[in-house]
Amino acid sequence: MKYLKEQFKMLEIYEPMANNVTGIFLNANEAFYDTPYEIKKHISEYVLSHNINRYPDDSCENLKNSIAKKYGVLPQNIAVGVGSDEILDILLRSSASNKNVLSLDPSFSMYPIFTMMNEGNFIKIPLNDDFSFDLNRTIEAIKKEKPIVTLICNPNNPTGTTIDVASIEEIAKLNIGILVIDEAYEDFSNNSSINFIKKYDNICIIRTFSKAYALASIRLGYAIANEDIIKMLDTVRAPYTMNTLSQEIASYAISHFHLYKDKISEVIENREYLYEQLKNLNIIVYPSKTNFLFMYLNDKIKNKMIENNIHLRYFGKYTRVTVGNKEENEAFLNVIRENL
C-alpha cells in the first residue's frame, strides 16, 4: 500500500464474516426476523413492472416524501445515504477538517474513524463507570472544545443506554456546532429527539433501515435536519449513490410501519427476558433500550461461545450480544449456564 496516505496506514481493512460461516449470529445487531412478506411481494412486483436500465432518481423524491409524512417534516428536511455510515461520512467531510469533533466514550466505533478520515480532531467524553450519561461533563467539554460536530448515539451503541430528551435539549441550547443524534436503535426505545428539529436549527437526526426494519441488505440511512444542514450534505455527496430498488423498498417499508410493530414488541420482550436471565445468573449486564445487551463474560465463556459457533461482538473485556429469537437466546444462555 505504498500509495496510501500516511494517516490511513493505521487502519485495518474491514473484513466481514464470510457468507459460508455457520452458527448463531448475535454479533451485528441485525433483526432476527425476516423482512415482512408484503414488502418482498411489493418489490418483486415493482421490478417486473418497472424499467431498471436508467439511473435512479437522484433526488429520492418518493422516499423523502414517505419519510417526511411519517415524521411530520418537509421533504427538504431529509437527506438520504448508503446506510447511516454514508450520512456520517458526508457530514464530517463537509465540516470537520482541522476542527474538533466530540463524542461519548464508549460509543459507535466508526465515529473516530470517519473523523480521522476527514481530518478532524476526535475528542472523547467518557461516560460514567456504569455507562450512564454525565450532562454537566458533556456541557463543559462542548463549551471548552467548541466542536464543529457533537455525535451522540441515543440509544448508545455498544452500551444500550439512553439519554433523556431533556438532556439532549440542554446540549442543543448551547448552539455550538452541529448536534448529531444517531437514532439507529430508537424504534426499540421510544425516546426520540425528532420534535427538536423545528425548534433548533443545529440538530441533525440520523436513522437507518438496517435495524428494526430488517433491511440491512439494502444499505439505506437518512438524516432529518433543517434545510441548511441538508443542503450542506447534498452539496458534498456523490450523485446516484442511492439505487432505485433500495429507495422503493425503504419507501414502502416506512409507509407500512404497522407491519413491524409486533416484531419490535417481540424484540423488546426477548431483550427483557434475556436481561433478567443474565441477572439471575449473576452476569454483569447493563439495562438496554436497543436490540442488544452489553455485558461482561469471562474468557472461559467467550471461548465456549466460539466453540459452539455462537458469534458475538467483543469490546475489550466487554461483550455485546444481539437479541435473537427464543431458540437463539436459549442456546446462548445454555452455554453460560453450563460454564459458570
Protein backbone atom coordinates (compact mmCIF):
# COMPACT_ATOMS: atom_id res chain seq x y z
CA MET A 1 0.00 0.00 0.00
CA LYS A 2 2.79 2.40 -0.87
CA TYR A 3 0.40 4.99 -2.31
CA LEU A 4 -1.82 5.12 0.77
CA LYS A 5 -1.89 8.35 2.74
CA GLU A 6 0.18 8.11 5.91
CA GLN A 7 -2.81 8.91 8.12
CA PHE A 8 -4.69 5.85 6.81
CA LYS A 9 -1.92 3.30 7.41
CA MET A 10 -3.13 2.73 10.96
CA LEU A 11 -6.49 1.46 9.66
CA GLU A 12 -7.25 -2.22 9.25
CA ILE A 13 -9.23 -3.47 6.27
CA TYR A 14 -12.78 -4.24 7.33
CA GLU A 15 -13.31 -7.93 6.68
CA PRO A 16 -16.92 -9.02 7.30
CA MET A 17 -17.76 -12.57 8.25
CA ALA A 18 -17.70 -14.86 5.22
CA ASN A 19 -21.04 -15.99 3.80
CA ASN A 20 -20.19 -19.64 4.35
CA VAL A 21 -19.74 -19.25 8.11
CA THR A 22 -22.40 -21.15 10.03
CA GLY A 23 -23.80 -20.82 13.51
CA ILE A 24 -25.89 -18.38 15.51
CA PHE A 25 -25.27 -14.75 14.62
CA LEU A 26 -25.68 -12.43 17.60
CA ASN A 27 -22.86 -10.07 16.61
CA ALA A 28 -24.16 -7.43 14.17
CA ASN A 29 -27.38 -6.08 15.73
CA GLU A 30 -29.40 -7.28 12.76
CA ALA A 31 -33.07 -8.15 13.11
CA PHE A 32 -33.61 -11.82 13.95
CA TYR A 33 -36.82 -11.74 11.86
CA ASP A 34 -37.04 -11.57 8.10
CA THR A 35 -38.36 -8.64 6.10
CA PRO A 36 -42.18 -8.83 6.04
CA TYR A 37 -43.62 -10.85 3.16
CA GLU A 38 -45.76 -7.92 1.99
CA ILE A 39 -42.63 -5.86 1.35
CA LYS A 40 -40.91 -8.65 -0.55
CA LYS A 41 -44.05 -9.16 -2.63
CA HIS A 42 -44.25 -5.44 -3.40
CA ILE A 43 -40.66 -5.17 -4.58
CA SER A 44 -40.94 -8.28 -6.78
CA GLU A 45 -44.00 -6.77 -8.46
CA TYR A 46 -42.20 -3.44 -8.77
CA VAL A 47 -39.19 -4.99 -10.53
CA LEU A 48 -41.46 -6.77 -13.04
CA SER A 49 -43.43 -3.63 -13.83
CA HIS A 50 -40.64 -1.01 -13.98
CA ASN A 51 -37.60 -0.47 -16.15
CA ILE A 52 -34.33 -0.52 -14.22
CA ASN A 53 -31.98 0.36 -17.08
CA ARG A 54 -31.96 4.06 -16.18
CA TYR A 55 -30.13 5.87 -13.41
CA PRO A 56 -32.10 6.19 -10.17
CA ASP A 57 -33.97 9.29 -9.07
CA ASP A 58 -31.09 11.22 -7.53
CA SER A 59 -33.49 13.43 -5.57
CA CYS A 60 -35.06 10.34 -3.90
CA GLU A 61 -38.34 12.24 -4.10
CA ASN A 62 -40.72 9.37 -3.34
CA LEU A 63 -38.63 8.12 -0.42
CA LYS A 64 -38.20 11.58 1.07
CA ASN A 65 -41.96 12.14 0.83
CA SER A 66 -42.59 8.87 2.69
CA ILE A 67 -40.09 9.71 5.44
CA ALA A 68 -41.44 13.26 5.73
CA LYS A 69 -45.00 12.01 6.11
CA LYS A 70 -44.04 9.64 8.93
CA TYR A 71 -42.25 12.31 10.97
CA GLY A 72 -44.31 15.39 10.14
CA VAL A 73 -41.47 17.28 8.45
CA LEU A 74 -40.87 18.54 4.91
CA PRO A 75 -39.03 16.57 2.22
CA GLN A 76 -36.50 19.44 2.23
CA ASN A 77 -35.60 18.37 5.77
CA ILE A 78 -34.32 14.97 4.63
CA ALA A 79 -31.10 13.64 3.11
CA VAL A 80 -30.62 10.01 2.11
CA GLY A 81 -27.44 7.93 2.09
CA VAL A 82 -25.99 4.46 1.61
CA GLY A 83 -26.56 3.49 5.21
CA SER A 84 -26.23 5.97 8.04
CA ASP A 85 -22.47 5.49 7.63
CA GLU A 86 -22.50 7.49 4.40
CA ILE A 87 -24.52 10.25 6.06
CA LEU A 88 -21.94 10.48 8.87
CA ASP A 89 -19.05 10.42 6.42
CA ILE A 90 -20.55 13.19 4.26
CA LEU A 91 -21.42 15.32 7.27
CA LEU A 92 -17.86 15.16 8.58
CA ARG A 93 -16.35 15.54 5.11
CA SER A 94 -18.25 18.77 4.69
CA SER A 95 -17.34 20.26 8.07
CA ALA A 96 -14.66 18.57 10.19
CA SER A 97 -11.30 19.35 8.55
CA ASN A 98 -8.91 20.72 11.22
CA LYS A 99 -11.80 21.11 13.67
CA ASN A 100 -12.90 19.33 16.83
CA VAL A 101 -15.47 16.53 16.81
CA LEU A 102 -16.82 15.33 20.17
CA SER A 103 -18.49 12.07 21.07
CA LEU A 104 -19.19 9.91 24.08
CA ASP A 105 -16.92 7.02 25.06
CA PRO A 106 -17.58 4.20 24.53
CA SER A 107 -19.82 4.72 21.53
CA PHE A 108 -20.11 3.76 17.85
CA SER A 109 -16.69 2.64 16.66
CA MET A 110 -16.96 4.41 13.29
CA TYR A 111 -17.19 7.92 14.78
CA PRO A 112 -13.43 8.33 15.38
CA ILE A 113 -12.59 6.60 12.09
CA PHE A 114 -14.79 8.89 10.00
CA THR A 115 -13.42 11.88 11.90
CA MET A 116 -9.84 10.85 11.21
CA MET A 117 -10.56 10.11 7.55
CA ASN A 118 -12.00 13.59 7.19
CA GLU A 119 -9.07 15.24 9.00
CA GLY A 120 -10.95 16.25 12.12
CA ASN A 121 -9.72 16.11 15.72
CA PHE A 122 -11.70 13.49 17.65
CA ILE A 123 -12.29 14.13 21.37
CA LYS A 124 -13.89 11.59 23.71
CA ILE A 125 -16.25 12.46 26.55
CA PRO A 126 -16.20 9.49 28.95
CA LEU A 127 -19.42 8.01 30.24
CA ASN A 128 -19.74 7.20 33.92
CA ASP A 129 -18.43 3.88 35.24
CA ASP A 130 -21.90 2.35 34.83
CA PHE A 131 -22.09 3.80 31.28
CA SER A 132 -24.67 6.38 32.29
CA PHE A 133 -24.50 9.87 30.82
CA ASP A 134 -22.99 12.87 32.59
CA LEU A 135 -24.71 16.01 31.29
CA ASN A 136 -22.53 18.50 33.15
CA ARG A 137 -19.31 16.86 31.96
CA THR A 138 -20.61 16.90 28.39
CA ILE A 139 -21.66 20.55 28.50
CA GLU A 140 -18.30 21.56 29.97
CA ALA A 141 -16.45 19.68 27.22
CA ILE A 142 -18.54 21.28 24.47
CA LYS A 143 -18.01 24.78 25.90
CA LYS A 144 -14.28 24.16 26.20
CA GLU A 145 -13.58 22.40 22.87
CA LYS A 146 -16.19 24.23 20.74
CA PRO A 147 -16.68 21.29 18.34
CA ILE A 148 -17.98 21.70 14.82
CA VAL A 149 -19.88 18.41 15.39
CA THR A 150 -21.01 16.61 18.54
CA LEU A 151 -22.01 12.98 17.93
CA ILE A 152 -24.45 11.39 20.36
CA CYS A 153 -25.71 7.88 19.73
CA ASN A 154 -29.05 7.59 21.51
CA PRO A 155 -29.67 4.81 22.46
CA ASN A 156 -25.95 4.27 22.59
CA ASN A 157 -24.05 1.56 20.76
CA PRO A 158 -22.47 -0.58 22.24
CA THR A 159 -23.75 0.07 25.78
CA GLY A 160 -27.52 0.15 25.05
CA THR A 161 -28.00 3.07 27.44
CA THR A 162 -30.15 6.13 26.71
CA ILE A 163 -30.07 9.86 27.32
CA ASP A 164 -33.33 11.57 28.19
CA VAL A 165 -34.55 14.14 25.67
CA ALA A 166 -34.41 16.93 28.28
CA SER A 167 -30.62 16.47 28.42
CA ILE A 168 -30.43 16.46 24.63
CA GLU A 169 -32.25 19.79 24.62
CA GLU A 170 -29.80 21.28 27.12
CA ILE A 171 -26.98 20.44 24.70
CA ALA A 172 -28.90 21.83 21.74
CA LYS A 173 -29.42 25.11 23.59
CA LEU A 174 -25.65 25.65 23.65
CA ASN A 175 -25.84 26.17 19.87
CA ILE A 176 -22.19 25.17 19.43
CA GLY A 177 -21.70 23.34 16.15
CA ILE A 178 -23.98 20.62 14.78
CA LEU A 179 -25.53 18.27 17.32
CA VAL A 180 -25.92 14.89 15.60
CA ILE A 181 -28.30 12.46 17.30
CA ASP A 182 -27.77 8.97 15.92
CA GLU A 183 -31.10 7.21 16.48
CA ALA A 184 -30.30 3.91 14.76
CA TYR A 185 -31.95 2.00 17.63
CA GLU A 186 -34.69 4.46 18.57
CA ASP A 187 -37.52 2.18 17.39
CA PHE A 188 -36.73 -0.02 20.41
CA SER A 189 -36.68 2.84 22.94
CA ASN A 190 -39.39 5.43 22.15
CA ASN A 191 -37.06 8.26 23.16
CA SER A 192 -36.67 10.34 20.01
CA SER A 193 -35.44 13.92 19.72
CA ILE A 194 -37.32 14.37 16.44
CA ASN A 195 -39.54 17.13 17.88
CA PHE A 196 -36.49 19.36 18.34
CA ILE A 197 -35.88 19.61 14.58
CA LYS A 198 -38.32 22.52 14.22
CA LYS A 199 -37.13 24.19 17.42
CA TYR A 200 -33.33 24.13 16.99
CA ASP A 201 -31.52 24.65 13.70
CA ASN A 202 -28.32 22.91 14.87
CA ILE A 203 -29.79 19.40 15.34
CA CYS A 204 -29.35 16.60 12.81
CA ILE A 205 -31.02 13.26 13.49
CA ILE A 206 -29.71 10.17 11.72
CA ARG A 207 -31.67 6.96 11.29
CA THR A 208 -31.37 3.67 9.43
CA PHE A 209 -33.43 0.89 7.85
CA SER A 210 -30.91 -1.76 8.99
CA LYS A 211 -32.25 -2.50 12.47
CA ALA A 212 -35.99 -2.52 13.26
CA TYR A 213 -36.94 -2.57 9.57
CA ALA A 214 -34.94 -5.79 8.92
CA LEU A 215 -33.48 -4.25 5.76
CA ALA A 216 -29.74 -4.26 6.47
CA SER A 217 -29.01 -5.56 2.97
CA ILE A 218 -30.44 -2.52 1.16
CA ARG A 219 -27.93 -0.17 2.86
CA LEU A 220 -30.11 2.87 3.43
CA GLY A 221 -29.94 5.59 6.07
CA TYR A 222 -31.26 9.12 6.28
CA ALA A 223 -30.81 12.42 8.07
CA ILE A 224 -33.53 14.79 9.30
CA ALA A 225 -32.44 18.38 9.89
CA ASN A 226 -33.11 21.97 8.90
CA GLU A 227 -32.74 22.87 5.22
CA ASP A 228 -29.32 24.46 5.66
CA ILE A 229 -27.74 21.28 7.05
CA ILE A 230 -29.48 19.18 4.37
CA LYS A 231 -28.14 21.46 1.64
CA MET A 232 -24.66 21.05 3.10
CA LEU A 233 -24.99 17.27 2.88
CA ASP A 234 -26.41 17.35 -0.65
CA THR A 235 -23.61 19.67 -1.80
CA VAL A 236 -20.91 17.19 -0.87
CA ARG A 237 -22.49 13.81 -1.64
CA ALA A 238 -21.79 12.00 -4.91
CA PRO A 239 -24.67 11.68 -7.40
CA TYR A 240 -26.67 8.48 -7.95
CA THR A 241 -25.42 6.63 -4.89
CA MET A 242 -28.90 5.53 -3.83
CA ASN A 243 -30.20 2.82 -6.16
CA THR A 244 -33.79 2.58 -7.35
CA LEU A 245 -34.66 -0.70 -5.61
CA SER A 246 -33.39 0.38 -2.20
CA GLN A 247 -35.37 3.60 -2.50
CA GLU A 248 -38.56 1.75 -3.36
CA ILE A 249 -38.18 -0.90 -0.65
CA ALA A 250 -37.49 1.71 2.03
CA SER A 251 -40.33 3.95 0.90
CA TYR A 252 -42.80 1.09 1.03
CA ALA A 253 -41.49 -0.16 4.37
CA ILE A 254 -41.70 3.18 6.18
CA SER A 255 -45.18 3.74 4.74
CA HIS A 256 -46.25 0.36 6.15
CA PHE A 257 -44.64 0.58 9.57
CA HIS A 258 -47.57 -1.30 11.08
CA LEU A 259 -46.05 -4.48 9.61
CA TYR A 260 -43.21 -4.17 12.15
CA LYS A 261 -45.00 -3.32 15.38
CA ASP A 262 -45.46 -6.90 16.61
CA LYS A 263 -41.86 -7.78 15.69
CA ILE A 264 -40.47 -4.78 17.56
CA SER A 265 -42.55 -5.76 20.59
CA GLU A 266 -41.11 -9.28 20.33
CA VAL A 267 -37.55 -7.89 20.29
CA ILE A 268 -38.26 -5.87 23.44
CA GLU A 269 -39.88 -8.87 25.16
CA ASN A 270 -36.92 -11.11 24.25
CA ARG A 271 -34.47 -8.43 25.37
CA GLU A 272 -36.06 -8.12 28.80
CA TYR A 273 -36.21 -11.90 29.19
CA LEU A 274 -32.54 -12.22 28.26
CA TYR A 275 -31.61 -9.40 30.64
CA GLU A 276 -33.45 -10.99 33.57
CA GLN A 277 -31.96 -14.42 32.89
CA LEU A 278 -28.44 -12.98 32.78
CA LYS A 279 -29.03 -11.10 36.03
CA ASN A 280 -30.25 -14.32 37.64
CA LEU A 281 -27.02 -15.99 36.51
CA ASN A 282 -25.03 -13.16 38.20
CA ILE A 283 -23.69 -11.92 34.89
CA ILE A 284 -22.76 -8.23 34.88
CA VAL A 285 -25.18 -6.86 32.28
CA TYR A 286 -26.42 -3.33 31.67
CA PRO A 287 -30.02 -2.23 31.08
CA SER A 288 -30.70 -1.65 27.39
CA LYS A 289 -33.20 0.17 25.19
CA THR A 290 -31.90 -1.38 21.97
CA ASN A 291 -31.92 -4.79 20.28
CA PHE A 292 -28.73 -5.85 22.08
CA LEU A 293 -27.23 -6.19 25.56
CA PHE A 294 -23.80 -5.15 26.85
CA MET A 295 -22.20 -7.39 29.47
CA TYR A 296 -19.10 -8.90 30.98
CA LEU A 297 -18.32 -12.53 30.10
CA ASN A 298 -15.18 -14.27 31.28
CA ASP A 299 -12.73 -15.82 28.83
CA LYS A 300 -13.94 -19.35 29.50
CA ILE A 301 -17.49 -18.49 28.48
CA LYS A 302 -16.34 -16.49 25.46
CA ASN A 303 -14.22 -19.43 24.27
CA LYS A 304 -17.17 -21.78 24.70
CA MET A 305 -19.33 -19.44 22.62
CA ILE A 306 -16.75 -19.68 19.83
CA GLU A 307 -16.66 -23.49 20.16
CA ASN A 308 -20.46 -23.58 19.82
CA ASN A 309 -20.44 -21.28 16.75
CA ILE A 310 -22.29 -18.52 18.60
CA HIS A 311 -20.95 -15.32 17.11
CA LEU A 312 -20.80 -12.30 19.44
CA ARG A 313 -19.12 -8.87 19.29
CA TYR A 314 -16.26 -8.17 21.69
CA PHE A 315 -15.13 -4.80 23.08
CA GLY A 316 -12.08 -5.42 25.24
CA LYS A 317 -13.33 -7.06 28.42
CA TYR A 318 -16.97 -6.48 27.46
CA THR A 319 -19.27 -8.38 25.08
CA ARG A 320 -22.21 -7.13 23.04
CA VAL A 321 -24.95 -9.66 22.30
CA THR A 322 -27.69 -9.04 19.76
CA VAL A 323 -31.13 -10.12 20.91
CA GLY A 324 -32.08 -13.22 18.92
CA ASN A 325 -35.19 -15.32 18.63
CA LYS A 326 -36.16 -17.55 21.55
CA GLU A 327 -34.15 -20.54 20.34
CA GLU A 328 -31.03 -18.46 19.71
CA ASN A 329 -31.28 -16.76 23.08
CA GLU A 330 -31.66 -20.11 24.87
CA ALA A 331 -28.63 -21.53 23.06
CA PHE A 332 -26.62 -18.51 24.22
CA LEU A 333 -27.90 -18.80 27.79
CA ASN A 334 -27.25 -22.54 27.91
CA VAL A 335 -23.55 -22.03 27.14
CA ILE A 336 -23.36 -19.66 30.11
CA ARG A 337 -25.34 -21.99 32.40
CA GLU A 338 -23.06 -24.91 31.54
CA ASN A 339 -19.84 -22.96 32.12
CA LEU A 340 -20.38 -20.91 35.25
